[in-house]
Amino acid sequence: MTIESISQLGLSFFGLTSDVVSQVRLNLFSQIHQIVFHGQGGYSWYDVYNMPTWLRNYTFSEIRTYYEEQKEAVENKGKGGGKKTVVGTDGKIKSPEFLQSLKNAKKPVKYS
């Protein structure tokens, strides 16, 4: 005798199945690690593990957003966002502006 499910999903019990439980645990422990590690000492493993799921997800998303913004700021700074260099885009060294002004200035008179 087989028991048929009255659920439209075909499952008689809504919960974790054996084929996805390992991935769910991995995601949970990865999220806990990320919060504890990137929280810079603000959270203990025990506190994060016992947090309500909605609060842990919110904390995780806020930390992720913060570090993504930091990464973008560093990348933009590295691309020359307002930074002056003496090496041009073609790889040749160019004289800084203050050296150009010295070359254009009158040479001092030497007294002997």
PDB file of N, CA and C in Angstrom:
ATOM      1  N   MET A   1       0.839  -1.173   0.000  1.00  0.00           N
ATOM      2  CA  MET A   1       0.000   0.000   0.000  1.00  0.00           C
ATOM      3  C   MET A   1       0.890   1.244   0.000  1.00  0.00           C
ATOM      4  N   THR A   2       0.700   2.134  -0.928  1.00  0.00           N
ATOM      5  CA  THR A   2       1.459   3.373  -1.010  1.00  0.00           C
ATOM      6  C   THR A   2       0.609   4.513  -0.490  1.00  0.00           C
ATOM      7  N   ILE A   3       1.285   5.438   0.146  1.00  0.00           N
ATOM      8  CA  ILE A   3       0.603   6.614   0.680  1.00  0.00           C
ATOM      9  C   ILE A   3       0.812   7.752  -0.310  1.00  0.00           C
ATOM     10  N   GLU A   4      -0.261   8.295  -0.774  1.00  0.00           N
ATOM     11  CA  GLU A   4      -0.173   9.398  -1.714  1.00  0.00           C
ATOM     12  C   GLU A   4      -0.233  10.710  -0.960  1.00  0.00           C
ATOM     13  N   SER A   5       0.531  11.642  -1.453  1.00  0.00           N
ATOM     14  CA  SER A   5       0.583  12.947  -0.823  1.00  0.00           C
ATOM     15  C   SER A   5      -0.578  13.801  -1.306  1.00  0.00           C
ATOM     16  N   ILE A   6      -1.124  14.570  -0.405  1.00  0.00           N
ATOM     17  CA  ILE A   6      -2.178  15.495  -0.812  1.00  0.00           C
ATOM     18  C   ILE A   6      -1.595  16.850  -1.189  1.00  0.00           C
ATOM     19  N   SER A   7      -0.278  16.986  -1.050  1.00  0.00           N
ATOM     20  CA  SER A   7       0.396  18.222  -1.397  1.00  0.00           C
ATOM     21  C   SER A   7       0.623  18.290  -2.899  1.00  0.00           C
ATOM     22  N   GLN A   8       0.573  19.494  -3.451  1.00  0.00           N
ATOM     23  CA  GLN A   8       0.826  19.675  -4.874  1.00  0.00           C
ATOM     24  C   GLN A   8       2.307  19.503  -5.201  1.00  0.00           C
ATOM     25  N   LEU A   9       3.160  19.637  -4.211  1.00  0.00           N
ATOM     26  CA  LEU A   9       4.591  19.483  -4.442  1.00  0.00           C
ATOM     27  C   LEU A   9       5.025  18.027  -4.436  1.00  0.00           C
ATOM     28  N   GLY A  10       4.174  17.148  -3.993  1.00  0.00           N
ATOM     29  CA  GLY A  10       4.508  15.748  -3.982  1.00  0.00           C
ATOM     30  C   GLY A  10       5.242  15.310  -2.732  1.00  0.00           C
ATOM     31  N   LEU A  11       5.431  16.177  -1.791  1.00  0.00           N
ATOM     32  CA  LEU A  11       6.110  15.832  -0.553  1.00  0.00           C
ATOM     33  C   LEU A  11       5.086  15.759   0.573  1.00  0.00           C
ATOM     34  N   SER A  12       5.233  14.765   1.402  1.00  0.00           N
ATOM     35  CA  SER A  12       4.326  14.674   2.532  1.00  0.00           C
ATOM     36  C   SER A  12       4.857  15.448   3.732  1.00  0.00           C
ATOM     37  N   PHE A  13       6.148  15.804   3.692  1.00  0.00           N
ATOM     38  CA  PHE A  13       6.747  16.552   4.785  1.00  0.00           C
ATOM     39  C   PHE A  13       7.571  17.690   4.206  1.00  0.00           C
ATOM     40  N   PHE A  14       7.332  18.900   4.655  1.00  0.00           N
ATOM     41  CA  PHE A  14       8.059  20.053   4.155  1.00  0.00           C
ATOM     42  C   PHE A  14       9.260  20.294   5.050  1.00  0.00           C
ATOM     43  N   GLY A  15      10.413  19.992   4.572  1.00  0.00           N
ATOM     44  CA  GLY A  15      11.623  20.180   5.342  1.00  0.00           C
ATOM     45  C   GLY A  15      12.826  19.850   4.487  1.00  0.00           C
ATOM     46  N   LEU A  16      13.946  19.684   5.128  1.00  0.00           N
ATOM     47  CA  LEU A  16      15.170  19.375   4.413  1.00  0.00           C
ATOM     48  C   LEU A  16      15.158  17.929   3.953  1.00  0.00           C
ATOM     49  N   THR A  17      15.597  17.735   2.750  1.00  0.00           N
ATOM     50  CA  THR A  17      15.757  16.379   2.245  1.00  0.00           C
ATOM     51  C   THR A  17      17.230  16.018   2.315  1.00  0.00           C
ATOM     52  N   SER A  18      17.526  14.741   2.257  1.00  0.00           N
ATOM     53  CA  SER A  18      18.898  14.283   2.444  1.00  0.00           C
ATOM     54  C   SER A  18      19.840  14.774   1.353  1.00  0.00           C
ATOM     55  N   ASP A  19      19.331  15.109   0.180  1.00  0.00           N
ATOM     56  CA  ASP A  19      20.213  15.553  -0.896  1.00  0.00           C
ATOM     57  C   ASP A  19      20.577  17.036  -0.795  1.00  0.00           C
ATOM     58  N   VAL A  20      19.861  17.826  -0.022  1.00  0.00           N
ATOM     59  CA  VAL A  20      20.187  19.248   0.091  1.00  0.00           C
ATOM     60  C   VAL A  20      20.673  19.659   1.471  1.00  0.00           C
ATOM     61  N   VAL A  21      20.590  18.760   2.444  1.00  0.00           N
ATOM     62  CA  VAL A  21      20.940  19.136   3.807  1.00  0.00           C
ATOM     63  C   VAL A  21      22.415  19.518   3.923  1.00  0.00           C
ATOM     64  N   SER A  22      23.304  18.842   3.199  1.00  0.00           N
ATOM     65  CA  SER A  22      24.727  19.179   3.302  1.00  0.00           C
ATOM     66  C   SER A  22      25.005  20.566   2.730  1.00  0.00           C
ATOM     67  N   GLN A  23      24.329  20.945   1.653  1.00  0.00           N
ATOM     68  CA  GLN A  23      24.534  22.279   1.068  1.00  0.00           C
ATOM     69  C   GLN A  23      23.967  23.370   1.982  1.00  0.00           C
ATOM     70  N   VAL A  24      22.843  23.097   2.618  1.00  0.00           N
ATOM     71  CA  VAL A  24      22.242  24.060   3.537  1.00  0.00           C
ATOM     72  C   VAL A  24      23.153  24.280   4.740  1.00  0.00           C
ATOM     73  N   ARG A  25      23.708  23.204   5.279  1.00  0.00           N
ATOM     74  CA  ARG A  25      24.640  23.329   6.411  1.00  0.00           C
ATOM     75  C   ARG A  25      25.887  24.104   6.003  1.00  0.00           C
ATOM     76  N   LEU A  26      26.414  23.813   4.815  1.00  0.00           N
ATOM     77  CA  LEU A  26      27.598  24.524   4.326  1.00  0.00           C
ATOM     78  C   LEU A  26      27.310  26.013   4.190  1.00  0.00           C
ATOM     79  N   ASN A  27      26.153  26.363   3.644  1.00  0.00           N
ATOM     80  CA  ASN A  27      25.780  27.776   3.507  1.00  0.00           C
ATOM     81  C   ASN A  27      25.624  28.448   4.865  1.00  0.00           C
ATOM     82  N   LEU A  28      25.016  27.744   5.815  1.00  0.00           N
ATOM     83  CA  LEU A  28      24.821  28.295   7.152  1.00  0.00           C
ATOM     84  C   LEU A  28      26.161  28.577   7.825  1.00  0.00           C
ATOM     85  N   PHE A  29      27.052  27.587   7.825  1.00  0.00           N
ATOM     86  CA  PHE A  29      28.341  27.764   8.489  1.00  0.00           C
ATOM     87  C   PHE A  29      29.226  28.770   7.759  1.00  0.00           C
ATOM     88  N   SER A  30      29.096  28.847   6.455  1.00  0.00           N
ATOM     89  CA  SER A  30      29.834  29.858   5.692  1.00  0.00           C
ATOM     90  C   SER A  30      29.351  31.262   6.058  1.00  0.00           C
ATOM     91  N   GLN A  31      28.039  31.428   6.182  1.00  0.00           N
ATOM     92  CA  GLN A  31      27.479  32.722   6.554  1.00  0.00           C
ATOM     93  C   GLN A  31      27.903  33.107   7.972  1.00  0.00           C
ATOM     94  N   ILE A  32      27.890  32.155   8.887  1.00  0.00           N
ATOM     95  CA  ILE A  32      28.327  32.427  10.262  1.00  0.00           C
ATOM     96  C   ILE A  32      29.793  32.839  10.273  1.00  0.00           C
ATOM     97  N   HIS A  33      30.605  32.113   9.523  1.00  0.00           N
ATOM     98  CA  HIS A  33      32.036  32.456   9.459  1.00  0.00           C
ATOM     99  C   HIS A  33      32.238  33.864   8.906  1.00  0.00           C
ATOM    100  N   GLN A  34      31.541  34.212   7.843  1.00  0.00           N
ATOM    101  CA  GLN A  34      31.698  35.531   7.233  1.00  0.00           C
ATOM    102  C   GLN A  34      31.318  36.638   8.212  1.00  0.00           C
ATOM    103  N   ILE A  35      30.245  36.448   8.950  1.00  0.00           N
ATOM    104  CA  ILE A  35      29.814  37.467   9.912  1.00  0.00           C
ATOM    105  C   ILE A  35      30.825  37.600  11.042  1.00  0.00           C
ATOM    106  N   VAL A  36      31.280  36.474  11.582  1.00  0.00           N
ATOM    107  CA  VAL A  36      32.237  36.520  12.694  1.00  0.00           C
ATOM    108  C   VAL A  36      33.559  37.106  12.221  1.00  0.00           C
ATOM    109  N   PHE A  37      34.049  36.668  11.061  1.00  0.00           N
ATOM    110  CA  PHE A  37      35.354  37.121  10.565  1.00  0.00           C
ATOM    111  C   PHE A  37      35.327  38.586  10.146  1.00  0.00           C
ATOM    112  N   HIS A  38      34.377  38.946   9.321  1.00  0.00           N
ATOM    113  CA  HIS A  38      34.322  40.315   8.805  1.00  0.00           C
ATOM    114  C   HIS A  38      33.638  41.283   9.765  1.00  0.00           C
ATOM    115  N   GLY A  39      33.039  40.769  10.824  1.00  0.00           N
ATOM    116  CA  GLY A  39      32.456  41.628  11.852  1.00  0.00           C
ATOM    117  C   GLY A  39      33.511  42.247  12.748  1.00  0.00           C
ATOM    118  N   GLN A  40      34.775  41.859  12.541  1.00  0.00           N
ATOM    119  CA  GLN A  40      35.941  42.424  13.234  1.00  0.00           C
ATOM    120  C   GLN A  40      35.792  42.372  14.751  1.00  0.00           C
ATOM    121  N   GLY A  41      35.410  41.207  15.254  1.00  0.00           N
ATOM    122  CA  GLY A  41      35.332  41.015  16.694  1.00  0.00           C
ATOM    123  C   GLY A  41      34.027  41.448  17.326  1.00  0.00           C
ATOM    124  N   GLY A  42      33.094  41.910  16.547  1.00  0.00           N
ATOM    125  CA  GLY A  42      31.818  42.363  17.094  1.00  0.00           C
ATOM    126  C   GLY A  42      30.844  41.237  17.388  1.00  0.00           C
ATOM    127  N   TYR A  43      31.107  40.052  16.831  1.00  0.00           N
ATOM    128  CA  TYR A  43      30.194  38.927  16.986  1.00  0.00           C
ATOM    129  C   TYR A  43      30.981  37.678  17.356  1.00  0.00           C
ATOM    130  N   SER A  44      30.426  36.889  18.265  1.00  0.00           N
ATOM    131  CA  SER A  44      31.018  35.581  18.549  1.00  0.00           C
ATOM    132  C   SER A  44      30.266  34.536  17.726  1.00  0.00           C
ATOM    133  N   TRP A  45      30.887  33.380  17.551  1.00  0.00           N
ATOM    134  CA  TRP A  45      30.262  32.318  16.783  1.00  0.00           C
ATOM    135  C   TRP A  45      28.948  31.904  17.441  1.00  0.00           C
ATOM    136  N   TYR A  46      28.943  31.792  18.734  1.00  0.00           N
ATOM    137  CA  TYR A  46      27.753  31.374  19.471  1.00  0.00           C
ATOM    138  C   TYR A  46      26.603  32.375  19.267  1.00  0.00           C
ATOM    139  N   ASP A  47      26.922  33.672  19.334  1.00  0.00           N
ATOM    140  CA  ASP A  47      25.882  34.689  19.152  1.00  0.00           C
ATOM    141  C   ASP A  47      25.274  34.634  17.756  1.00  0.00           C
ATOM    142  N   VAL A  48      26.121  34.479  16.740  1.00  0.00           N
ATOM    143  CA  VAL A  48      25.619  34.454  15.367  1.00  0.00           C
ATOM    144  C   VAL A  48      24.813  33.175  15.116  1.00  0.00           C
ATOM    145  N   TYR A  49      25.282  32.058  15.646  1.00  0.00           N
ATOM    146  CA  TYR A  49      24.583  30.789  15.456  1.00  0.00           C
ATOM    147  C   TYR A  49      23.185  30.831  16.074  1.00  0.00           C
ATOM    148  N   ASN A  50      23.046  31.513  17.198  1.00  0.00           N
ATOM    149  CA  ASN A  50      21.758  31.579  17.883  1.00  0.00           C
ATOM    150  C   ASN A  50      20.929  32.795  17.499  1.00  0.00           C
ATOM    151  N   MET A  51      21.383  33.598  16.558  1.00  0.00           N
ATOM    152  CA  MET A  51      20.597  34.734  16.075  1.00  0.00           C
ATOM    153  C   MET A  51      19.361  34.230  15.351  1.00  0.00           C
ATOM    154  N   PRO A  52      18.292  35.001  15.388  1.00  0.00           N
ATOM    155  CA  PRO A  52      17.152  34.661  14.516  1.00  0.00           C
ATOM    156  C   PRO A  52      17.598  34.736  13.051  1.00  0.00           C
ATOM    157  N   THR A  53      17.023  33.902  12.230  1.00  0.00           N
ATOM    158  CA  THR A  53      17.437  33.813  10.826  1.00  0.00           C
ATOM    159  C   THR A  53      17.326  35.157  10.119  1.00  0.00           C
ATOM    160  N   TRP A  54      16.243  35.889  10.348  1.00  0.00           N
ATOM    161  CA  TRP A  54      16.062  37.180   9.672  1.00  0.00           C
ATOM    162  C   TRP A  54      17.152  38.165  10.079  1.00  0.00           C
ATOM    163  N   LEU A  55      17.562  38.152  11.356  1.00  0.00           N
ATOM    164  CA  LEU A  55      18.596  39.069  11.820  1.00  0.00           C
ATOM    165  C   LEU A  55      19.966  38.674  11.278  1.00  0.00           C
ATOM    166  N   ARG A  56      20.237  37.369  11.218  1.00  0.00           N
ATOM    167  CA  ARG A  56      21.512  36.908  10.667  1.00  0.00           C
ATOM    168  C   ARG A  56      21.610  37.256   9.182  1.00  0.00           C
ATOM    169  N   ASN A  57      20.527  37.075   8.444  1.00  0.00           N
ATOM    170  CA  ASN A  57      20.528  37.429   7.017  1.00  0.00           C
ATOM    171  C   ASN A  57      20.714  38.925   6.823  1.00  0.00           C
ATOM    172  N   TYR A  58      20.059  39.727   7.663  1.00  0.00           N
ATOM    173  CA  TYR A  58      20.210  41.181   7.565  1.00  0.00           C
ATOM    174  C   TYR A  58      21.644  41.598   7.875  1.00  0.00           C
ATOM    175  N   THR A  59      22.212  41.057   8.954  1.00  0.00           N
ATOM    176  CA  THR A  59      23.590  41.390   9.327  1.00  0.00           C
ATOM    177  C   THR A  59      24.553  40.990   8.228  1.00  0.00           C
ATOM    178  N   PHE A  60      24.357  39.814   7.674  1.00  0.00           N
ATOM    179  CA  PHE A  60      25.216  39.334   6.599  1.00  0.00           C
ATOM    180  C   PHE A  60      25.135  40.243   5.381  1.00  0.00           C
ATOM    181  N   SER A  61      23.939  40.660   5.007  1.00  0.00           N
ATOM    182  CA  SER A  61      23.799  41.525   3.826  1.00  0.00           C
ATOM    183  C   SER A  61      24.403  42.903   4.069  1.00  0.00           C
ATOM    184  N   GLU A  62      24.288  43.427   5.291  1.00  0.00           N
ATOM    185  CA  GLU A  62      24.887  44.728   5.593  1.00  0.00           C
ATOM    186  C   GLU A  62      26.412  44.664   5.556  1.00  0.00           C
ATOM    187  N   ILE A  63      26.984  43.615   6.102  1.00  0.00           N
ATOM    188  CA  ILE A  63      28.443  43.458   6.062  1.00  0.00           C
ATOM    189  C   ILE A  63      28.913  43.284   4.622  1.00  0.00           C
ATOM    190  N   ARG A  64      28.175  42.487   3.839  1.00  0.00           N
ATOM    191  CA  ARG A  64      28.549  42.286   2.433  1.00  0.00           C
ATOM    192  C   ARG A  64      28.486  43.609   1.660  1.00  0.00           C
ATOM    193  N   THR A  65      27.432  44.392   1.877  1.00  0.00           N
ATOM    194  CA  THR A  65      27.296  45.682   1.204  1.00  0.00           C
ATOM    195  C   THR A  65      28.453  46.610   1.568  1.00  0.00           C
ATOM    196  N   TYR A  66      28.808  46.644   2.845  1.00  0.00           N
ATOM    197  CA  TYR A  66      29.911  47.502   3.303  1.00  0.00           C
ATOM    198  C   TYR A  66      31.216  47.135   2.610  1.00  0.00           C
ATOM    199  N   TYR A  67      31.541  45.852   2.564  1.00  0.00           N
ATOM    200  CA  TYR A  67      32.803  45.439   1.957  1.00  0.00           C
ATOM    201  C   TYR A  67      32.796  45.570   0.443  1.00  0.00           C
ATOM    202  N   GLU A  68      31.637  45.449  -0.199  1.00  0.00           N
ATOM    203  CA  GLU A  68      31.558  45.691  -1.638  1.00  0.00           C
ATOM    204  C   GLU A  68      31.816  47.169  -1.948  1.00  0.00           C
ATOM    205  N   GLU A  69      31.274  48.066  -1.117  1.00  0.00           N
ATOM    206  CA  GLU A  69      31.519  49.497  -1.308  1.00  0.00           C
ATOM    207  C   GLU A  69      32.989  49.831  -1.080  1.00  0.00           C
ATOM    208  N   GLN A  70      33.607  49.204  -0.074  1.00  0.00           N
ATOM    209  CA  GLN A  70      35.031  49.419   0.172  1.00  0.00           C
ATOM    210  C   GLN A  70      35.860  48.933  -1.014  1.00  0.00           C
ATOM    211  N   LYS A  71      35.498  47.799  -1.576  1.00  0.00           N
ATOM    212  CA  LYS A  71      36.217  47.245  -2.721  1.00  0.00           C
ATOM    213  C   LYS A  71      36.111  48.178  -3.924  1.00  0.00           C
ATOM    214  N   GLU A  72      34.912  48.691  -4.178  1.00  0.00           N
ATOM    215  CA  GLU A  72      34.726  49.626  -5.293  1.00  0.00           C
ATOM    216  C   GLU A  72      35.532  50.901  -5.091  1.00  0.00           C
ATOM    217  N   ALA A  73      35.588  51.392  -3.862  1.00  0.00           N
ATOM    218  CA  ALA A  73      36.353  52.609  -3.581  1.00  0.00           C
ATOM    219  C   ALA A  73      37.833  52.384  -3.832  1.00  0.00           C
ATOM    220  N   VAL A  74      38.342  51.236  -3.441  1.00  0.00           N
ATOM    221  CA  VAL A  74      39.761  50.928  -3.661  1.00  0.00           C
ATOM    222  C   VAL A  74      40.037  50.764  -5.148  1.00  0.00           C
ATOM    223  N   GLU A  75      39.127  50.099  -5.867  1.00  0.00           N
ATOM    224  CA  GLU A  75      39.316  49.927  -7.302  1.00  0.00           C
ATOM    225  C   GLU A  75      39.278  51.263  -8.028  1.00  0.00           C
ATOM    226  N   ASN A  76      38.362  52.143  -7.640  1.00  0.00           N
ATOM    227  CA  ASN A  76      38.279  53.456  -8.276  1.00  0.00           C
ATOM    228  C   ASN A  76      39.499  54.298  -7.957  1.00  0.00           C
ATOM    229  N   LYS A  77      40.024  54.170  -6.757  1.00  0.00           N
ATOM    230  CA  LYS A  77      41.219  54.910  -6.385  1.00  0.00           C
ATOM    231  C   LYS A  77      42.420  54.403  -7.169  1.00  0.00           C
ATOM    232  N   GLY A  78      42.480  53.101  -7.393  1.00  0.00           N
ATOM    233  CA  GLY A  78      43.582  52.504  -8.134  1.00  0.00           C
ATOM    234  C   GLY A  78      43.551  52.839  -9.613  1.00  0.00           C
ATOM    235  N   LYS A  79      42.392  53.201 -10.135  1.00  0.00           N
ATOM    236  CA  LYS A  79      42.274  53.537 -11.553  1.00  0.00           C
ATOM    237  C   LYS A  79      42.655  54.991 -11.838  1.00  0.00           C
ATOM    238  N   GLY A  80      43.161  55.674 -10.832  1.00  0.00           N
ATOM    239  CA  GLY A  80      43.594  57.042 -11.048  1.00  0.00           C
ATOM    240  C   GLY A  80      42.504  58.047 -10.802  1.00  0.00           C
ATOM    241  N   GLY A  81      41.587  57.740  -9.954  1.00  0.00           N
ATOM    242  CA  GLY A  81      40.509  58.665  -9.639  1.00  0.00           C
ATOM    243  C   GLY A  81      41.033  59.883  -8.905  1.00  0.00           C
ATOM    244  N   GLY A  82      41.524  60.871  -9.642  1.00  0.00           N
ATOM    245  CA  GLY A  82      42.044  62.085  -9.036  1.00  0.00           C
ATOM    246  C   GLY A  82      43.507  61.994  -8.643  1.00  0.00           C
ATOM    247  N   LYS A  83      44.163  60.930  -8.967  1.00  0.00           N
ATOM    248  CA  LYS A  83      45.561  60.746  -8.595  1.00  0.00           C
ATOM    249  C   LYS A  83      46.449  61.176  -9.753  1.00  0.00           C
ATOM    250  N   LYS A  84      47.464  61.976  -9.453  1.00  0.00           N
ATOM    251  CA  LYS A  84      48.386  62.435 -10.481  1.00  0.00           C
ATOM    252  C   LYS A  84      49.662  61.606 -10.413  1.00  0.00           C
ATOM    253  N   THR A  85      50.135  61.201 -11.585  1.00  0.00           N
ATOM    254  CA  THR A  85      51.374  60.441 -11.641  1.00  0.00           C
ATOM    255  C   THR A  85      52.305  61.072 -12.662  1.00  0.00           C
ATOM    256  N   VAL A  86      53.572  60.689 -12.617  1.00  0.00           N
ATOM    257  CA  VAL A  86      54.543  61.193 -13.578  1.00  0.00           C
ATOM    258  C   VAL A  86      54.685  60.247 -14.750  1.00  0.00           C
ATOM    259  N   VAL A  87      53.965  59.134 -14.750  1.00  0.00           N
ATOM    260  CA  VAL A  87      53.998  58.185 -15.857  1.00  0.00           C
ATOM    261  C   VAL A  87      52.703  58.327 -16.630  1.00  0.00           C
ATOM    262  N   GLY A  88      52.808  58.570 -17.925  1.00  0.00           N
ATOM    263  CA  GLY A  88      51.638  58.736 -18.768  1.00  0.00           C
ATOM    264  C   GLY A  88      51.010  57.410 -19.122  1.00  0.00           C
ATOM    265  N   THR A  89      49.881  57.461 -19.819  1.00  0.00           N
ATOM    266  CA  THR A  89      49.197  56.237 -20.215  1.00  0.00           C
ATOM    267  C   THR A  89      49.996  55.458 -21.249  1.00  0.00           C
ATOM    268  N   ASP A  90      50.887  56.131 -21.960  1.00  0.00           N
ATOM    269  CA  ASP A  90      51.730  55.442 -22.935  1.00  0.00           C
ATOM    270  C   ASP A  90      52.972  54.832 -22.297  1.00  0.00           C
ATOM    271  N   GLY A  91      53.176  55.036 -21.006  1.00  0.00           N
ATOM    272  CA  GLY A  91      54.298  54.449 -20.285  1.00  0.00           C
ATOM    273  C   GLY A  91      55.522  55.342 -20.222  1.00  0.00           C
ATOM    274  N   LYS A  92      55.452  56.509 -20.852  1.00  0.00           N
ATOM    275  CA  LYS A  92      56.589  57.428 -20.838  1.00  0.00           C
ATOM    276  C   LYS A  92      56.491  58.351 -19.634  1.00  0.00           C
ATOM    277  N   ILE A  93      57.650  58.731 -19.125  1.00  0.00           N
ATOM    278  CA  ILE A  93      57.695  59.626 -17.974  1.00  0.00           C
ATOM    279  C   ILE A  93      57.477  61.046 -18.463  1.00  0.00           C
ATOM    280  N   LYS A  94      56.573  61.739 -17.812  1.00  0.00           N
ATOM    281  CA  LYS A  94      56.304  63.134 -18.156  1.00  0.00           C
ATOM    282  C   LYS A  94      56.707  64.002 -16.977  1.00  0.00           C
ATOM    283  N   SER A  95      57.108  65.202 -17.290  1.00  0.00           N
ATOM    284  CA  SER A  95      57.550  66.115 -16.236  1.00  0.00           C
ATOM    285  C   SER A  95      56.346  66.621 -15.462  1.00  0.00           C
ATOM    286  N   PRO A  96      56.448  66.625 -14.143  1.00  0.00           N
ATOM    287  CA  PRO A  96      55.363  67.206 -13.357  1.00  0.00           C
ATOM    288  C   PRO A  96      55.202  68.685 -13.657  1.00  0.00           C
ATOM    289  N   GLU A  97      54.039  69.214 -13.329  1.00  0.00           N
ATOM    290  CA  GLU A  97      53.722  70.611 -13.637  1.00  0.00           C
ATOM    291  C   GLU A  97      54.698  71.582 -12.986  1.00  0.00           C
ATOM    292  N   PHE A  98      55.121  71.283 -11.766  1.00  0.00           N
ATOM    293  CA  PHE A  98      56.005  72.222 -11.107  1.00  0.00           C
ATOM    294  C   PHE A  98      57.382  72.264 -11.781  1.00  0.00           C
ATOM    295  N   LEU A  99      57.831  71.168 -12.392  1.00  0.00           N
ATOM    296  CA  LEU A  99      59.102  71.195 -13.120  1.00  0.00           C
ATOM    297  C   LEU A  99      58.958  71.972 -14.426  1.00  0.00           C
ATOM    298  N   GLN A 100      57.799  71.870 -15.061  1.00  0.00           N
ATOM    299  CA  GLN A 100      57.556  72.634 -16.280  1.00  0.00           C
ATOM    300  C   GLN A 100      57.608  74.130 -15.987  1.00  0.00           C
ATOM    301  N   SER A 101      57.052  74.527 -14.854  1.00  0.00           N
ATOM    302  CA  SER A 101      57.058  75.947 -14.529  1.00  0.00           C
ATOM    303  C   SER A 101      58.473  76.431 -14.220  1.00  0.00           C
ATOM    304  N   LEU A 102      59.311  75.579 -13.659  1.00  0.00           N
ATOM    305  CA  LEU A 102      60.697  75.953 -13.401  1.00  0.00           C
ATOM    306  C   LEU A 102      61.475  76.106 -14.698  1.00  0.00           C
ATOM    307  N   LYS A 103      61.205  75.277 -15.671  1.00  0.00           N
ATOM    308  CA  LYS A 103      61.892  75.369 -16.955  1.00  0.00           C
ATOM    309  C   LYS A 103      61.511  76.653 -17.682  1.00  0.00           C
ATOM    310  N   ASN A 104      60.251  77.057 -17.534  1.00  0.00           N
ATOM    311  CA  ASN A 104      59.774  78.253 -18.217  1.00  0.00           C
ATOM    312  C   ASN A 104      60.173  79.532 -17.487  1.00  0.00           C
ATOM    313  N   ALA A 105      60.589  79.426 -16.249  1.00  0.00           N
ATOM    314  CA  ALA A 105      60.965  80.624 -15.477  1.00  0.00           C
ATOM    315  C   ALA A 105      62.340  81.117 -15.950  1.00  0.00           C
ATOM    316  N   LYS A 106      62.596  82.396 -15.659  1.00  0.00           N
ATOM    317  CA  LYS A 106      63.883  82.984 -16.009  1.00  0.00           C
ATOM    318  C   LYS A 106      64.961  82.367 -15.150  1.00  0.00           C
ATOM    319  N   LYS A 107      66.101  82.175 -15.729  1.00  0.00           N
ATOM    320  CA  LYS A 107      67.221  81.617 -14.977  1.00  0.00           C
ATOM    321  C   LYS A 107      67.764  82.694 -14.049  1.00  0.00           C
ATOM    322  N   PRO A 108      68.151  82.297 -12.838  1.00  0.00           N
ATOM    323  CA  PRO A 108      68.686  83.295 -11.906  1.00  0.00           C
ATOM    324  C   PRO A 108      70.027  83.838 -12.396  1.00  0.00           C
ATOM    325  N   VAL A 109      70.264  85.049 -12.038  1.00  0.00           N
ATOM    326  CA  VAL A 109      71.517  85.704 -12.404  1.00  0.00           C
ATOM    327  C   VAL A 109      72.573  85.312 -11.386  1.00  0.00           C
ATOM    328  N   LYS A 110      73.725  84.885 -11.910  1.00  0.00           N
ATOM    329  CA  LYS A 110      74.818  84.521 -11.016  1.00  0.00           C
ATOM    330  C   LYS A 110      75.755  85.725 -10.894  1.00  0.00           C
ATOM    331  N   TYR A 111      76.119  86.027  -9.682  1.00  0.00           N
ATOM    332  CA  TYR A 111      77.055  87.114  -9.447  1.00  0.00           C
ATOM    333  C   TYR A 111      78.401  86.486  -9.138  1.00  0.00           C
ATOM    334  N   SER A 112      79.412  86.938  -9.815  1.00  0.00           N
ATOM    335  CA  SER A 112      80.736  86.410  -9.559  1.00  0.00           C
ATOM    336  C   SER A 112      81.571  87.370  -8.782  1.00  0.00           C
TER     337      SER A 112
END
